Amino acid sequence: MANSDVWRPPRTCEDYWSEWKHCKGIRNFFHNYYTYGEVPSCEQWKIDYSNCRQWEKSKSLDSKGRQGQLQDSSGVEGVLGEKLQASLVLNLRLLQT
């Protein structure tokens, strides 16, 4: 039986990864845009995933509440994501007219 005094993340790291991938999906993008009028923010899922992986590596309580920055925000993925979002918003506006 596991020690109940030891903290661990409430979900597995794979759950956070799945939620992040779902959040970034095109269906979720359109759903959020039409329902709420804005693009979904997926940053928290990525931060939670990073914190979970950090905890798995070190078992450190610092990972429990660490508020890190996105590692990929300045990379190619971030630039392509921004261009894709801008293109989709433009296409949605054209469809509405």
PDB file of N, CA and C in Angstrom:
ATOM      1  N   MET A   1       0.839  -1.183   0.000  1.00  0.00           N
ATOM      2  CA  MET A   1       0.000   0.000   0.000  1.00  0.00           C
ATOM      3  C   MET A   1       0.888   1.253   0.000  1.00  0.00           C
ATOM      4  N   ALA A   2       0.486   2.251  -0.750  1.00  0.00           N
ATOM      5  CA  ALA A   2       1.279   3.477  -0.881  1.00  0.00           C
ATOM      6  C   ALA A   2       1.142   4.328   0.371  1.00  0.00           C
ATOM      7  N   ASN A   3       2.188   5.084   0.639  1.00  0.00           N
ATOM      8  CA  ASN A   3       2.186   6.000   1.763  1.00  0.00           C
ATOM      9  C   ASN A   3       1.284   7.184   1.434  1.00  0.00           C
ATOM     10  N   SER A   4       0.298   7.460   2.282  1.00  0.00           N
ATOM     11  CA  SER A   4      -0.655   8.534   2.003  1.00  0.00           C
ATOM     12  C   SER A   4      -0.073   9.920   2.267  1.00  0.00           C
ATOM     13  N   ASP A   5       1.092   9.998   2.929  1.00  0.00           N
ATOM     14  CA  ASP A   5       1.711  11.287   3.208  1.00  0.00           C
ATOM     15  C   ASP A   5       2.486  11.847   2.015  1.00  0.00           C
ATOM     16  N   VAL A   6       2.736  11.026   1.016  1.00  0.00           N
ATOM     17  CA  VAL A   6       3.526  11.443  -0.138  1.00  0.00           C
ATOM     18  C   VAL A   6       2.608  12.107  -1.162  1.00  0.00           C
ATOM     19  N   TRP A   7       2.971  13.329  -1.558  1.00  0.00           N
ATOM     20  CA  TRP A   7       2.175  14.044  -2.563  1.00  0.00           C
ATOM     21  C   TRP A   7       2.485  13.501  -3.934  1.00  0.00           C
ATOM     22  N   ARG A   8       1.482  13.439  -4.782  1.00  0.00           N
ATOM     23  CA  ARG A   8       1.669  13.105  -6.181  1.00  0.00           C
ATOM     24  C   ARG A   8       0.636  13.873  -6.997  1.00  0.00           C
ATOM     25  N   PRO A   9       0.903  14.098  -8.292  1.00  0.00           N
ATOM     26  CA  PRO A   9      -0.060  14.833  -9.126  1.00  0.00           C
ATOM     27  C   PRO A   9      -1.413  14.132  -9.150  1.00  0.00           C
ATOM     28  N   PRO A  10      -2.490  14.902  -9.257  1.00  0.00           N
ATOM     29  CA  PRO A  10      -3.831  14.302  -9.251  1.00  0.00           C
ATOM     30  C   PRO A  10      -4.124  13.468 -10.497  1.00  0.00           C
ATOM     31  N   ARG A  11      -3.396  13.669 -11.568  1.00  0.00           N
ATOM     32  CA  ARG A  11      -3.568  12.923 -12.816  1.00  0.00           C
ATOM     33  C   ARG A  11      -2.217  12.401 -13.284  1.00  0.00           C
ATOM     34  N   THR A  12      -2.265  11.468 -14.216  1.00  0.00           N
ATOM     35  CA  THR A  12      -1.017  11.023 -14.823  1.00  0.00           C
ATOM     36  C   THR A  12      -0.548  12.083 -15.809  1.00  0.00           C
ATOM     37  N   CYS A  13       0.733  12.098 -16.110  1.00  0.00           N
ATOM     38  CA  CYS A  13       1.274  13.075 -17.056  1.00  0.00           C
ATOM     39  C   CYS A  13       0.661  12.897 -18.441  1.00  0.00           C
ATOM     40  N   GLU A  14       0.339  11.663 -18.802  1.00  0.00           N
ATOM     41  CA  GLU A  14      -0.282  11.404 -20.100  1.00  0.00           C
ATOM     42  C   GLU A  14      -1.651  12.072 -20.201  1.00  0.00           C
ATOM     43  N   ASP A  15      -2.367  12.174 -19.087  1.00  0.00           N
ATOM     44  CA  ASP A  15      -3.659  12.871 -19.088  1.00  0.00           C
ATOM     45  C   ASP A  15      -3.486  14.351 -19.417  1.00  0.00           C
ATOM     46  N   TYR A  16      -2.471  14.980 -18.818  1.00  0.00           N
ATOM     47  CA  TYR A  16      -2.218  16.394 -19.120  1.00  0.00           C
ATOM     48  C   TYR A  16      -1.814  16.569 -20.582  1.00  0.00           C
ATOM     49  N   TRP A  17      -1.002  15.641 -21.100  1.00  0.00           N
ATOM     50  CA  TRP A  17      -0.582  15.703 -22.503  1.00  0.00           C
ATOM     51  C   TRP A  17      -1.803  15.568 -23.427  1.00  0.00           C
ATOM     52  N   SER A  18      -2.695  14.626 -23.121  1.00  0.00           N
ATOM     53  CA  SER A  18      -3.895  14.420 -23.939  1.00  0.00           C
ATOM     54  C   SER A  18      -4.792  15.654 -23.929  1.00  0.00           C
ATOM     55  N   GLU A  19      -4.958  16.238 -22.763  1.00  0.00           N
ATOM     56  CA  GLU A  19      -5.786  17.449 -22.664  1.00  0.00           C
ATOM     57  C   GLU A  19      -5.178  18.593 -23.469  1.00  0.00           C
ATOM     58  N   TRP A  20      -3.856  18.718 -23.434  1.00  0.00           N
ATOM     59  CA  TRP A  20      -3.180  19.772 -24.193  1.00  0.00           C
ATOM     60  C   TRP A  20      -3.357  19.547 -25.691  1.00  0.00           C
ATOM     61  N   LYS A  21      -3.184  18.298 -26.140  1.00  0.00           N
ATOM     62  CA  LYS A  21      -3.351  17.991 -27.560  1.00  0.00           C
ATOM     63  C   LYS A  21      -4.796  18.252 -28.004  1.00  0.00           C
ATOM     64  N   HIS A  22      -5.756  17.873 -27.172  1.00  0.00           N
ATOM     65  CA  HIS A  22      -7.161  18.126 -27.497  1.00  0.00           C
ATOM     66  C   HIS A  22      -7.442  19.629 -27.571  1.00  0.00           C
ATOM     67  N   CYS A  23      -6.896  20.363 -26.632  1.00  0.00           N
ATOM     68  CA  CYS A  23      -7.115  21.810 -26.577  1.00  0.00           C
ATOM     69  C   CYS A  23      -6.594  22.491 -27.843  1.00  0.00           C
ATOM     70  N   LYS A  24      -5.468  22.001 -28.377  1.00  0.00           N
ATOM     71  CA  LYS A  24      -4.877  22.609 -29.561  1.00  0.00           C
ATOM     72  C   LYS A  24      -5.535  22.154 -30.862  1.00  0.00           C
ATOM     73  N   GLY A  25      -6.443  21.194 -30.797  1.00  0.00           N
ATOM     74  CA  GLY A  25      -7.064  20.641 -31.995  1.00  0.00           C
ATOM     75  C   GLY A  25      -7.972  21.625 -32.710  1.00  0.00           C
ATOM     76  N   ILE A  26      -8.154  21.379 -33.995  1.00  0.00           N
ATOM     77  CA  ILE A  26      -8.955  22.275 -34.841  1.00  0.00           C
ATOM     78  C   ILE A  26     -10.437  22.275 -34.435  1.00  0.00           C
ATOM     79  N   ARG A  27     -10.965  21.111 -34.045  1.00  0.00           N
ATOM     80  CA  ARG A  27     -12.375  21.057 -33.619  1.00  0.00           C
ATOM     81  C   ARG A  27     -12.590  21.895 -32.368  1.00  0.00           C
ATOM     82  N   ASN A  28     -11.672  21.782 -31.421  1.00  0.00           N
ATOM     83  CA  ASN A  28     -11.785  22.559 -30.192  1.00  0.00           C
ATOM     84  C   ASN A  28     -11.631  24.047 -30.479  1.00  0.00           C
ATOM     85  N   PHE A  29     -10.739  24.382 -31.420  1.00  0.00           N
ATOM     86  CA  PHE A  29     -10.553  25.789 -31.803  1.00  0.00           C
ATOM     87  C   PHE A  29     -11.867  26.380 -32.319  1.00  0.00           C
ATOM     88  N   PHE A  30     -12.490  25.685 -33.287  1.00  0.00           N
ATOM     89  CA  PHE A  30     -13.745  26.189 -33.846  1.00  0.00           C
ATOM     90  C   PHE A  30     -14.855  26.232 -32.802  1.00  0.00           C
ATOM     91  N   HIS A  31     -14.947  25.192 -31.984  1.00  0.00           N
ATOM     92  CA  HIS A  31     -15.988  25.159 -30.957  1.00  0.00           C
ATOM     93  C   HIS A  31     -15.855  26.352 -30.010  1.00  0.00           C
ATOM     94  N   ASN A  32     -14.657  26.596 -29.512  1.00  0.00           N
ATOM     95  CA  ASN A  32     -14.449  27.712 -28.588  1.00  0.00           C
ATOM     96  C   ASN A  32     -14.659  29.050 -29.264  1.00  0.00           C
ATOM     97  N   TYR A  33     -14.242  29.157 -30.527  1.00  0.00           N
ATOM     98  CA  TYR A  33     -14.398  30.425 -31.219  1.00  0.00           C
ATOM     99  C   TYR A  33     -15.881  30.756 -31.417  1.00  0.00           C
ATOM    100  N   TYR A  34     -16.675  29.789 -31.845  1.00  0.00           N
ATOM    101  CA  TYR A  34     -18.095  30.042 -32.072  1.00  0.00           C
ATOM    102  C   TYR A  34     -18.879  30.137 -30.776  1.00  0.00           C
ATOM    103  N   THR A  35     -18.496  29.374 -29.768  1.00  0.00           N
ATOM    104  CA  THR A  35     -19.238  29.377 -28.514  1.00  0.00           C
ATOM    105  C   THR A  35     -18.919  30.594 -27.661  1.00  0.00           C
ATOM    106  N   TYR A  36     -17.628  30.901 -27.525  1.00  0.00           N
ATOM    107  CA  TYR A  36     -17.204  31.960 -26.617  1.00  0.00           C
ATOM    108  C   TYR A  36     -16.653  33.197 -27.328  1.00  0.00           C
ATOM    109  N   GLY A  37     -16.420  33.094 -28.624  1.00  0.00           N
ATOM    110  CA  GLY A  37     -15.912  34.226 -29.378  1.00  0.00           C
ATOM    111  C   GLY A  37     -14.429  34.478 -29.200  1.00  0.00           C
ATOM    112  N   GLU A  38     -13.698  33.495 -28.691  1.00  0.00           N
ATOM    113  CA  GLU A  38     -12.252  33.656 -28.503  1.00  0.00           C
ATOM    114  C   GLU A  38     -11.542  32.321 -28.704  1.00  0.00           C
ATOM    115  N   VAL A  39     -10.263  32.432 -28.946  1.00  0.00           N
ATOM    116  CA  VAL A  39      -9.419  31.261 -29.146  1.00  0.00           C
ATOM    117  C   VAL A  39      -9.124  30.635 -27.780  1.00  0.00           C
ATOM    118  N   PRO A  40      -9.183  29.307 -27.661  1.00  0.00           N
ATOM    119  CA  PRO A  40      -8.918  28.689 -26.358  1.00  0.00           C
ATOM    120  C   PRO A  40      -7.462  28.870 -25.938  1.00  0.00           C
ATOM    121  N   SER A  41      -7.248  29.055 -24.662  1.00  0.00           N
ATOM    122  CA  SER A  41      -5.898  29.148 -24.115  1.00  0.00           C
ATOM    123  C   SER A  41      -5.499  27.776 -23.585  1.00  0.00           C
ATOM    124  N   CYS A  42      -4.441  27.222 -24.146  1.00  0.00           N
ATOM    125  CA  CYS A  42      -3.999  25.878 -23.785  1.00  0.00           C
ATOM    126  C   CYS A  42      -2.732  25.910 -22.938  1.00  0.00           C
ATOM    127  N   GLU A  43      -2.287  27.075 -22.559  1.00  0.00           N
ATOM    128  CA  GLU A  43      -1.015  27.208 -21.847  1.00  0.00           C
ATOM    129  C   GLU A  43      -1.004  26.449 -20.526  1.00  0.00           C
ATOM    130  N   GLN A  44      -2.121  26.489 -19.780  1.00  0.00           N
ATOM    131  CA  GLN A  44      -2.125  25.857 -18.460  1.00  0.00           C
ATOM    132  C   GLN A  44      -1.939  24.346 -18.563  1.00  0.00           C
ATOM    133  N   TRP A  45      -2.519  23.713 -19.597  1.00  0.00           N
ATOM    134  CA  TRP A  45      -2.323  22.275 -19.777  1.00  0.00           C
ATOM    135  C   TRP A  45      -0.853  21.962 -20.026  1.00  0.00           C
ATOM    136  N   LYS A  46      -0.171  22.797 -20.817  1.00  0.00           N
ATOM    137  CA  LYS A  46       1.246  22.589 -21.104  1.00  0.00           C
ATOM    138  C   LYS A  46       2.091  22.793 -19.843  1.00  0.00           C
ATOM    139  N   ILE A  47       1.758  23.802 -19.060  1.00  0.00           N
ATOM    140  CA  ILE A  47       2.473  24.050 -17.805  1.00  0.00           C
ATOM    141  C   ILE A  47       2.271  22.879 -16.845  1.00  0.00           C
ATOM    142  N   ASP A  48       1.023  22.410 -16.736  1.00  0.00           N
ATOM    143  CA  ASP A  48       0.745  21.276 -15.856  1.00  0.00           C
ATOM    144  C   ASP A  48       1.493  20.030 -16.300  1.00  0.00           C
ATOM    145  N   TYR A  49       1.568  19.809 -17.605  1.00  0.00           N
ATOM    146  CA  TYR A  49       2.307  18.657 -18.120  1.00  0.00           C
ATOM    147  C   TYR A  49       3.795  18.775 -17.779  1.00  0.00           C
ATOM    148  N   SER A  50       4.356  19.957 -17.971  1.00  0.00           N
ATOM    149  CA  SER A  50       5.771  20.181 -17.652  1.00  0.00           C
ATOM    150  C   SER A  50       6.038  19.974 -16.167  1.00  0.00           C
ATOM    151  N   ASN A  51       5.135  20.482 -15.323  1.00  0.00           N
ATOM    152  CA  ASN A  51       5.282  20.294 -13.878  1.00  0.00           C
ATOM    153  C   ASN A  51       5.204  18.820 -13.501  1.00  0.00           C
ATOM    154  N   CYS A  52       4.311  18.094 -14.123  1.00  0.00           N
ATOM    155  CA  CYS A  52       4.165  16.670 -13.847  1.00  0.00           C
ATOM    156  C   CYS A  52       5.436  15.908 -14.225  1.00  0.00           C
ATOM    157  N   ARG A  53       5.969  16.195 -15.400  1.00  0.00           N
ATOM    158  CA  ARG A  53       7.208  15.527 -15.832  1.00  0.00           C
ATOM    159  C   ARG A  53       8.367  15.881 -14.896  1.00  0.00           C
ATOM    160  N   GLN A  54       8.422  17.140 -14.475  1.00  0.00           N
ATOM    161  CA  GLN A  54       9.469  17.555 -13.535  1.00  0.00           C
ATOM    162  C   GLN A  54       9.337  16.790 -12.226  1.00  0.00           C
ATOM    163  N   TRP A  55       8.107  16.627 -11.758  1.00  0.00           N
ATOM    164  CA  TRP A  55       7.883  15.892 -10.528  1.00  0.00           C
ATOM    165  C   TRP A  55       8.282  14.431 -10.681  1.00  0.00           C
ATOM    166  N   GLU A  56       7.970  13.823 -11.843  1.00  0.00           N
ATOM    167  CA  GLU A  56       8.346  12.427 -12.070  1.00  0.00           C
ATOM    168  C   GLU A  56       9.862  12.243 -12.039  1.00  0.00           C
ATOM    169  N   LYS A  57      10.591  13.237 -12.530  1.00  0.00           N
ATOM    170  CA  LYS A  57      12.055  13.136 -12.562  1.00  0.00           C
ATOM    171  C   LYS A  57      12.665  13.316 -11.179  1.00  0.00           C
ATOM    172  N   SER A  58      12.184  14.298 -10.419  1.00  0.00           N
ATOM    173  CA  SER A  58      12.862  14.654  -9.169  1.00  0.00           C
ATOM    174  C   SER A  58      12.075  14.323  -7.907  1.00  0.00           C
ATOM    175  N   LYS A  59      10.762  14.076  -8.033  1.00  0.00           N
ATOM    176  CA  LYS A  59       9.876  13.878  -6.878  1.00  0.00           C
ATOM    177  C   LYS A  59       9.961  15.056  -5.905  1.00  0.00           C
ATOM    178  N   SER A  60      10.274  16.207  -6.447  1.00  0.00           N
ATOM    179  CA  SER A  60      10.464  17.415  -5.652  1.00  0.00           C
ATOM    180  C   SER A  60       9.130  18.123  -5.432  1.00  0.00           C
ATOM    181  N   LEU A  61       8.933  18.613  -4.229  1.00  0.00           N
ATOM    182  CA  LEU A  61       7.720  19.375  -3.944  1.00  0.00           C
ATOM    183  C   LEU A  61       7.743  20.732  -4.632  1.00  0.00           C
ATOM    184  N   ASP A  62       8.916  21.179  -5.113  1.00  0.00           N
ATOM    185  CA  ASP A  62       8.987  22.424  -5.873  1.00  0.00           C
ATOM    186  C   ASP A  62       8.183  22.313  -7.155  1.00  0.00           C
ATOM    187  N   SER A  63       8.097  21.124  -7.708  1.00  0.00           N
ATOM    188  CA  SER A  63       7.340  20.911  -8.942  1.00  0.00           C
ATOM    189  C   SER A  63       5.845  20.978  -8.696  1.00  0.00           C
ATOM    190  N   LYS A  64       5.442  20.766  -7.469  1.00  0.00           N
ATOM    191  CA  LYS A  64       4.024  20.741  -7.123  1.00  0.00           C
ATOM    192  C   LYS A  64       3.326  22.048  -7.476  1.00  0.00           C
ATOM    193  N   GLY A  65       3.964  23.169  -7.191  1.00  0.00           N
ATOM    194  CA  GLY A  65       3.318  24.453  -7.438  1.00  0.00           C
ATOM    195  C   GLY A  65       4.120  25.365  -8.328  1.00  0.00           C
ATOM    196  N   ARG A  66       5.097  24.814  -9.034  1.00  0.00           N
ATOM    197  CA  ARG A  66       5.978  25.638  -9.865  1.00  0.00           C
ATOM    198  C   ARG A  66       5.179  26.266 -11.000  1.00  0.00           C
ATOM    199  N   GLN A  67       5.344  27.550 -11.188  1.00  0.00           N
ATOM    200  CA  GLN A  67       4.677  28.271 -12.264  1.00  0.00           C
ATOM    201  C   GLN A  67       5.705  28.588 -13.335  1.00  0.00           C
ATOM    202  N   GLY A  68       6.024  27.629 -14.160  1.00  0.00           N
ATOM    203  CA  GLY A  68       7.024  27.816 -15.205  1.00  0.00           C
ATOM    204  C   GLY A  68       6.442  28.441 -16.452  1.00  0.00           C
ATOM    205  N   GLN A  69       7.318  28.879 -17.315  1.00  0.00           N
ATOM    206  CA  GLN A  69       6.912  29.428 -18.605  1.00  0.00           C
ATOM    207  C   GLN A  69       6.921  28.324 -19.644  1.00  0.00           C
ATOM    208  N   LEU A  70       6.178  28.501 -20.695  1.00  0.00           N
ATOM    209  CA  LEU A  70       6.184  27.519 -21.769  1.00  0.00           C
ATOM    210  C   LEU A  70       7.569  27.419 -22.386  1.00  0.00           C
ATOM    211  N   GLN A  71       8.022  26.203 -22.580  1.00  0.00           N
ATOM    212  CA  GLN A  71       9.334  25.996 -23.161  1.00  0.00           C
ATOM    213  C   GLN A  71       9.329  26.259 -24.670  1.00  0.00           C
ATOM    214  N   ASP A  72       8.216  25.983 -25.343  1.00  0.00           N
ATOM    215  CA  ASP A  72       8.159  26.052 -26.801  1.00  0.00           C
ATOM    216  C   ASP A  72       7.577  27.360 -27.316  1.00  0.00           C
ATOM    217  N   SER A  73       7.317  28.333 -26.453  1.00  0.00           N
ATOM    218  CA  SER A  73       6.569  29.515 -26.878  1.00  0.00           C
ATOM    219  C   SER A  73       7.297  30.354 -27.926  1.00  0.00           C
ATOM    220  N   SER A  74       8.627  30.286 -27.960  1.00  0.00           N
ATOM    221  CA  SER A  74       9.343  31.083 -28.949  1.00  0.00           C
ATOM    222  C   SER A  74       9.843  30.233 -30.115  1.00  0.00           C
ATOM    223  N   GLY A  75       9.536  28.965 -30.116  1.00  0.00           N
ATOM    224  CA  GLY A  75      10.021  28.055 -31.140  1.00  0.00           C
ATOM    225  C   GLY A  75       9.179  28.074 -32.396  1.00  0.00           C
ATOM    226  N   VAL A  76       9.503  27.190 -33.310  1.00  0.00           N
ATOM    227  CA  VAL A  76       8.796  27.095 -34.586  1.00  0.00           C
ATOM    228  C   VAL A  76       7.339  26.743 -34.373  1.00  0.00           C
ATOM    229  N   GLU A  77       7.064  25.845 -33.430  1.00  0.00           N
ATOM    230  CA  GLU A  77       5.692  25.430 -33.177  1.00  0.00           C
ATOM    231  C   GLU A  77       4.822  26.627 -32.789  1.00  0.00           C
ATOM    232  N   GLY A  78       5.341  27.535 -31.949  1.00  0.00           N
ATOM    233  CA  GLY A  78       4.588  28.708 -31.537  1.00  0.00           C
ATOM    234  C   GLY A  78       4.295  29.640 -32.694  1.00  0.00           C
ATOM    235  N   VAL A  79       5.269  29.844 -33.583  1.00  0.00           N
ATOM    236  CA  VAL A  79       5.095  30.727 -34.740  1.00  0.00           C
ATOM    237  C   VAL A  79       4.067  30.132 -35.699  1.00  0.00           C
ATOM    238  N   LEU A  80       4.189  28.840 -35.974  1.00  0.00           N
ATOM    239  CA  LEU A  80       3.234  28.203 -36.881  1.00  0.00           C
ATOM    240  C   LEU A  80       1.836  28.200 -36.294  1.00  0.00           C
ATOM    241  N   GLY A  81       1.733  27.997 -34.975  1.00  0.00           N
ATOM    242  CA  GLY A  81       0.430  28.011 -34.324  1.00  0.00           C
ATOM    243  C   GLY A  81      -0.231  29.375 -34.428  1.00  0.00           C
ATOM    244  N   GLU A  82       0.542  30.430 -34.254  1.00  0.00           N
ATOM    245  CA  GLU A  82       0.001  31.784 -34.360  1.00  0.00           C
ATOM    246  C   GLU A  82      -0.469  32.073 -35.778  1.00  0.00           C
ATOM    247  N   LYS A  83       0.302  31.647 -36.774  1.00  0.00           N
ATOM    248  CA  LYS A  83      -0.096  31.860 -38.167  1.00  0.00           C
ATOM    249  C   LYS A  83      -1.345  31.071 -38.499  1.00  0.00           C
ATOM    250  N   LEU A  84      -1.437  29.840 -37.995  1.00  0.00           N
ATOM    251  CA  LEU A  84      -2.620  29.021 -38.229  1.00  0.00           C
ATOM    252  C   LEU A  84      -3.847  29.659 -37.601  1.00  0.00           C
ATOM    253  N   GLN A  85      -3.717  30.142 -36.377  1.00  0.00           N
ATOM    254  CA  GLN A  85      -4.843  30.784 -35.707  1.00  0.00           C
ATOM    255  C   GLN A  85      -5.276  32.038 -36.450  1.00  0.00           C
ATOM    256  N   ALA A  86      -4.331  32.856 -36.898  1.00  0.00           N
ATOM    257  CA  ALA A  86      -4.672  34.074 -37.636  1.00  0.00           C
ATOM    258  C   ALA A  86      -5.383  33.727 -38.935  1.00  0.00           C
ATOM    259  N   SER A  87      -4.909  32.687 -39.619  1.00  0.00           N
ATOM    260  CA  SER A  87      -5.532  32.262 -40.857  1.00  0.00           C
ATOM    261  C   SER A  87      -6.956  31.752 -40.620  1.00  0.00           C
ATOM    262  N   LEU A  88      -7.147  30.976 -39.566  1.00  0.00           N
ATOM    263  CA  LEU A  88      -8.481  30.446 -39.264  1.00  0.00           C
ATOM    264  C   LEU A  88      -9.454  31.551 -38.889  1.00  0.00           C
ATOM    265  N   VAL A  89      -8.990  32.525 -38.112  1.00  0.00           N
ATOM    266  CA  VAL A  89      -9.857  33.643 -37.738  1.00  0.00           C
ATOM    267  C   VAL A  89     -10.266  34.417 -38.980  1.00  0.00           C
ATOM    268  N   LEU A  90      -9.322  34.647 -39.888  1.00  0.00           N
ATOM    269  CA  LEU A  90      -9.631  35.359 -41.124  1.00  0.00           C
ATOM    270  C   LEU A  90     -10.657  34.576 -41.941  1.00  0.00           C
ATOM    271  N   ASN A  91     -10.466  33.265 -42.071  1.00  0.00           N
ATOM    272  CA  ASN A  91     -11.414  32.435 -42.824  1.00  0.00           C
ATOM    273  C   ASN A  91     -12.792  32.434 -42.177  1.00  0.00           C
ATOM    274  N   LEU A  92     -12.852  32.408 -40.860  1.00  0.00           N
ATOM    275  CA  LEU A  92     -14.144  32.455 -40.170  1.00  0.00           C
ATOM    276  C   LEU A  92     -14.865  33.766 -40.418  1.00  0.00           C
ATOM    277  N   ARG A  93     -14.120  34.851 -40.418  1.00  0.00           N
ATOM    278  CA  ARG A  93     -14.726  36.160 -40.674  1.00  0.00           C
ATOM    279  C   ARG A  93     -15.269  36.245 -42.100  1.00  0.00           C
ATOM    280  N   LEU A  94     -14.520  35.662 -43.045  1.00  0.00           N
ATOM    281  CA  LEU A  94     -14.994  35.653 -44.429  1.00  0.00           C
ATOM    282  C   LEU A  94     -16.251  34.816 -44.584  1.00  0.00           C
ATOM    283  N   LEU A  95     -16.339  33.710 -43.847  1.00  0.00           N
ATOM    284  CA  LEU A  95     -17.514  32.866 -43.904  1.00  0.00           C
ATOM    285  C   LEU A  95     -18.752  33.548 -43.311  1.00  0.00           C
ATOM    286  N   GLN A  96     -18.546  34.407 -42.335  1.00  0.00           N
ATOM    287  CA  GLN A  96     -19.651  35.069 -41.681  1.00  0.00           C
ATOM    288  C   GLN A  96     -20.245  36.191 -42.517  1.00  0.00           C
ATOM    289  N   THR A  97     -19.488  36.691 -43.487  1.00  0.00           N
ATOM    290  CA  THR A  97     -20.001  37.805 -44.311  1.00  0.00           C
ATOM    291  C   THR A  97     -20.763  37.290 -45.504  1.00  0.00           C
TER     292      THR A  97
END
